[in-house]
N, C-alpha and C. Protein backbone atom coordinates (compact mmCIF):
# COMPACT_ATOMS: atom_id res chain seq x y z
N MET A 1 11.98 10.95 9.02
CA MET A 1 12.18 9.97 7.96
C MET A 1 11.37 10.39 6.75
N SER A 2 11.99 10.32 5.59
CA SER A 2 11.28 10.69 4.37
C SER A 2 10.31 9.58 3.97
N PHE A 3 9.37 9.94 3.12
CA PHE A 3 8.41 8.96 2.64
C PHE A 3 9.12 7.85 1.87
N ALA A 4 10.12 8.23 1.08
CA ALA A 4 10.88 7.24 0.31
C ALA A 4 11.59 6.26 1.24
N ALA A 5 12.14 6.75 2.33
CA ALA A 5 12.81 5.88 3.30
C ALA A 5 11.79 4.97 3.98
N TYR A 6 10.61 5.49 4.25
CA TYR A 6 9.54 4.69 4.85
C TYR A 6 9.16 3.54 3.92
N LEU A 7 9.02 3.85 2.63
CA LEU A 7 8.69 2.81 1.64
C LEU A 7 9.82 1.79 1.53
N ALA A 8 11.06 2.25 1.62
CA ALA A 8 12.21 1.34 1.57
C ALA A 8 12.17 0.38 2.75
N ASN A 9 11.79 0.87 3.92
CA ASN A 9 11.67 0.00 5.09
C ASN A 9 10.57 -1.04 4.91
N ILE A 10 9.47 -0.63 4.29
CA ILE A 10 8.38 -1.57 4.02
C ILE A 10 8.86 -2.65 3.05
N GLU A 11 9.60 -2.24 2.01
CA GLU A 11 10.12 -3.21 1.05
C GLU A 11 11.09 -4.18 1.74
N LYS A 12 11.92 -3.66 2.61
CA LYS A 12 12.87 -4.51 3.34
C LYS A 12 12.12 -5.53 4.22
N GLN A 13 11.03 -5.08 4.84
CA GLN A 13 10.24 -5.95 5.73
C GLN A 13 9.48 -7.01 4.95
N THR A 14 8.92 -6.63 3.79
CA THR A 14 8.01 -7.53 3.07
C THR A 14 8.63 -8.20 1.86
N GLY A 15 9.68 -7.60 1.30
CA GLY A 15 10.24 -8.09 0.05
C GLY A 15 9.45 -7.66 -1.17
N VAL A 16 8.51 -6.75 -0.96
CA VAL A 16 7.65 -6.27 -2.04
C VAL A 16 7.95 -4.80 -2.30
N SER A 17 8.25 -4.46 -3.55
CA SER A 17 8.57 -3.08 -3.90
C SER A 17 7.30 -2.23 -3.97
N PRO A 18 7.45 -0.92 -3.88
CA PRO A 18 6.28 -0.05 -4.03
C PRO A 18 5.54 -0.28 -5.35
N ASP A 19 6.29 -0.43 -6.44
CA ASP A 19 5.66 -0.68 -7.74
C ASP A 19 4.87 -1.98 -7.73
N GLU A 20 5.41 -2.99 -7.04
CA GLU A 20 4.72 -4.28 -6.96
C GLU A 20 3.44 -4.15 -6.13
N PHE A 21 3.48 -3.37 -5.05
CA PHE A 21 2.26 -3.14 -4.26
C PHE A 21 1.18 -2.49 -5.13
N VAL A 22 1.57 -1.55 -5.97
CA VAL A 22 0.60 -0.91 -6.86
C VAL A 22 0.02 -1.94 -7.81
N ARG A 23 0.87 -2.77 -8.38
CA ARG A 23 0.40 -3.81 -9.31
C ARG A 23 -0.53 -4.80 -8.61
N LEU A 24 -0.14 -5.26 -7.42
CA LEU A 24 -0.96 -6.22 -6.68
C LEU A 24 -2.31 -5.63 -6.28
N ALA A 25 -2.28 -4.38 -5.82
CA ALA A 25 -3.53 -3.72 -5.41
C ALA A 25 -4.45 -3.52 -6.61
N THR A 26 -3.88 -3.19 -7.74
CA THR A 26 -4.68 -3.02 -8.95
C THR A 26 -5.31 -4.35 -9.35
N LYS A 27 -4.52 -5.41 -9.30
CA LYS A 27 -5.02 -6.75 -9.64
C LYS A 27 -6.17 -7.17 -8.72
N LYS A 28 -6.10 -6.76 -7.45
CA LYS A 28 -7.15 -7.10 -6.47
C LYS A 28 -8.35 -6.15 -6.56
N GLY A 29 -8.28 -5.14 -7.43
CA GLY A 29 -9.37 -4.19 -7.57
C GLY A 29 -9.39 -3.12 -6.49
N LEU A 30 -8.25 -2.91 -5.84
CA LEU A 30 -8.20 -1.96 -4.72
C LEU A 30 -7.73 -0.57 -5.12
N THR A 31 -7.63 -0.30 -6.42
CA THR A 31 -7.24 1.04 -6.86
C THR A 31 -8.36 1.73 -7.63
N LYS A 32 -9.55 1.19 -7.54
CA LYS A 32 -10.69 1.81 -8.23
C LYS A 32 -11.07 3.10 -7.51
N PRO A 33 -11.57 4.07 -8.25
CA PRO A 33 -12.01 5.32 -7.61
C PRO A 33 -13.02 5.04 -6.50
N GLY A 34 -12.84 5.74 -5.40
CA GLY A 34 -13.76 5.61 -4.27
C GLY A 34 -13.40 4.51 -3.28
N THR A 35 -12.36 3.73 -3.57
CA THR A 35 -11.95 2.67 -2.64
C THR A 35 -11.49 3.30 -1.34
N LYS A 36 -12.02 2.83 -0.24
CA LYS A 36 -11.65 3.34 1.08
C LYS A 36 -10.36 2.68 1.55
N ALA A 37 -9.74 3.27 2.55
CA ALA A 37 -8.47 2.78 3.08
C ALA A 37 -8.62 1.43 3.78
N THR A 38 -9.74 1.19 4.46
CA THR A 38 -9.88 -0.02 5.29
C THR A 38 -9.68 -1.32 4.53
N PRO A 39 -10.29 -1.53 3.36
CA PRO A 39 -10.04 -2.80 2.67
C PRO A 39 -8.57 -2.97 2.28
N ILE A 40 -7.91 -1.87 1.98
CA ILE A 40 -6.50 -1.92 1.60
C ILE A 40 -5.65 -2.26 2.82
N THR A 41 -5.88 -1.56 3.92
CA THR A 41 -5.09 -1.83 5.11
C THR A 41 -5.36 -3.23 5.65
N ASP A 42 -6.60 -3.69 5.57
CA ASP A 42 -6.91 -5.05 6.01
C ASP A 42 -6.12 -6.08 5.20
N TRP A 43 -6.06 -5.89 3.90
CA TRP A 43 -5.30 -6.77 3.01
C TRP A 43 -3.81 -6.76 3.37
N LEU A 44 -3.25 -5.57 3.54
CA LEU A 44 -1.82 -5.44 3.82
C LEU A 44 -1.45 -6.03 5.18
N LYS A 45 -2.31 -5.83 6.15
CA LYS A 45 -2.07 -6.39 7.49
C LYS A 45 -2.15 -7.91 7.46
N ALA A 46 -3.16 -8.45 6.78
CA ALA A 46 -3.37 -9.90 6.74
C ALA A 46 -2.31 -10.62 5.91
N ASP A 47 -2.00 -10.09 4.74
CA ASP A 47 -1.11 -10.80 3.82
C ASP A 47 0.37 -10.49 4.02
N TYR A 48 0.68 -9.32 4.56
CA TYR A 48 2.08 -8.90 4.66
C TYR A 48 2.52 -8.57 6.09
N GLY A 49 1.63 -8.67 7.04
CA GLY A 49 1.97 -8.41 8.43
C GLY A 49 2.34 -6.98 8.72
N LEU A 50 1.87 -6.06 7.90
CA LEU A 50 2.18 -4.65 8.12
C LEU A 50 1.36 -4.10 9.28
N GLY A 51 1.96 -3.17 10.01
CA GLY A 51 1.23 -2.44 11.02
C GLY A 51 0.39 -1.37 10.34
N HIS A 52 -0.43 -0.70 11.13
CA HIS A 52 -1.34 0.29 10.56
C HIS A 52 -0.60 1.44 9.87
N GLY A 53 0.46 1.93 10.48
CA GLY A 53 1.21 3.05 9.89
C GLY A 53 1.82 2.69 8.55
N HIS A 54 2.45 1.52 8.47
CA HIS A 54 3.03 1.09 7.21
C HIS A 54 1.95 0.84 6.16
N ALA A 55 0.84 0.26 6.57
CA ALA A 55 -0.27 0.02 5.64
C ALA A 55 -0.81 1.34 5.10
N MET A 56 -0.91 2.33 5.96
CA MET A 56 -1.40 3.64 5.50
C MET A 56 -0.41 4.32 4.56
N ALA A 57 0.87 4.03 4.71
CA ALA A 57 1.85 4.56 3.76
C ALA A 57 1.61 3.97 2.38
N ILE A 58 1.25 2.70 2.32
CA ILE A 58 0.94 2.09 1.03
C ILE A 58 -0.35 2.68 0.47
N VAL A 59 -1.33 2.96 1.32
CA VAL A 59 -2.55 3.63 0.86
C VAL A 59 -2.19 4.97 0.24
N LYS A 60 -1.32 5.73 0.89
CA LYS A 60 -0.88 7.02 0.35
C LYS A 60 -0.21 6.83 -1.01
N LEU A 61 0.64 5.82 -1.11
CA LEU A 61 1.29 5.52 -2.37
C LEU A 61 0.26 5.22 -3.46
N LEU A 62 -0.73 4.41 -3.13
CA LEU A 62 -1.76 4.07 -4.11
C LEU A 62 -2.56 5.30 -4.52
N ARG A 63 -2.83 6.17 -3.57
CA ARG A 63 -3.57 7.41 -3.89
C ARG A 63 -2.76 8.30 -4.82
N GLU A 64 -1.46 8.33 -4.62
CA GLU A 64 -0.60 9.15 -5.48
C GLU A 64 -0.50 8.59 -6.88
N ARG A 65 -0.58 7.28 -7.01
CA ARG A 65 -0.34 6.64 -8.31
C ARG A 65 -1.61 6.17 -9.03
N SER A 66 -2.75 6.37 -8.41
CA SER A 66 -3.99 5.93 -9.05
C SER A 66 -5.11 6.90 -8.73
N ALA A 67 -6.32 6.49 -8.95
CA ALA A 67 -7.47 7.38 -8.79
C ALA A 67 -8.33 6.94 -7.60
N LEU A 68 -7.72 6.65 -6.46
CA LEU A 68 -8.49 6.20 -5.31
C LEU A 68 -9.50 7.23 -4.83
N ASP A 69 -9.13 8.49 -4.85
CA ASP A 69 -10.02 9.52 -4.31
C ASP A 69 -11.12 9.91 -5.28
């Protein structure tokens, strides 16, 4: 499965687009440089019911689109 297809499945499950996840994470302060994966995955699991693999896909998305590292 491609990464894009994985993100599409997450959007189908949550109703939240990848762009919206980036916006929400930025609003919560989770895209600042040095942010670790755990606070992000904890948020995604608690608020959206994502499993660890799907949550980590969103972390990867955030790393690609912001300065997490």
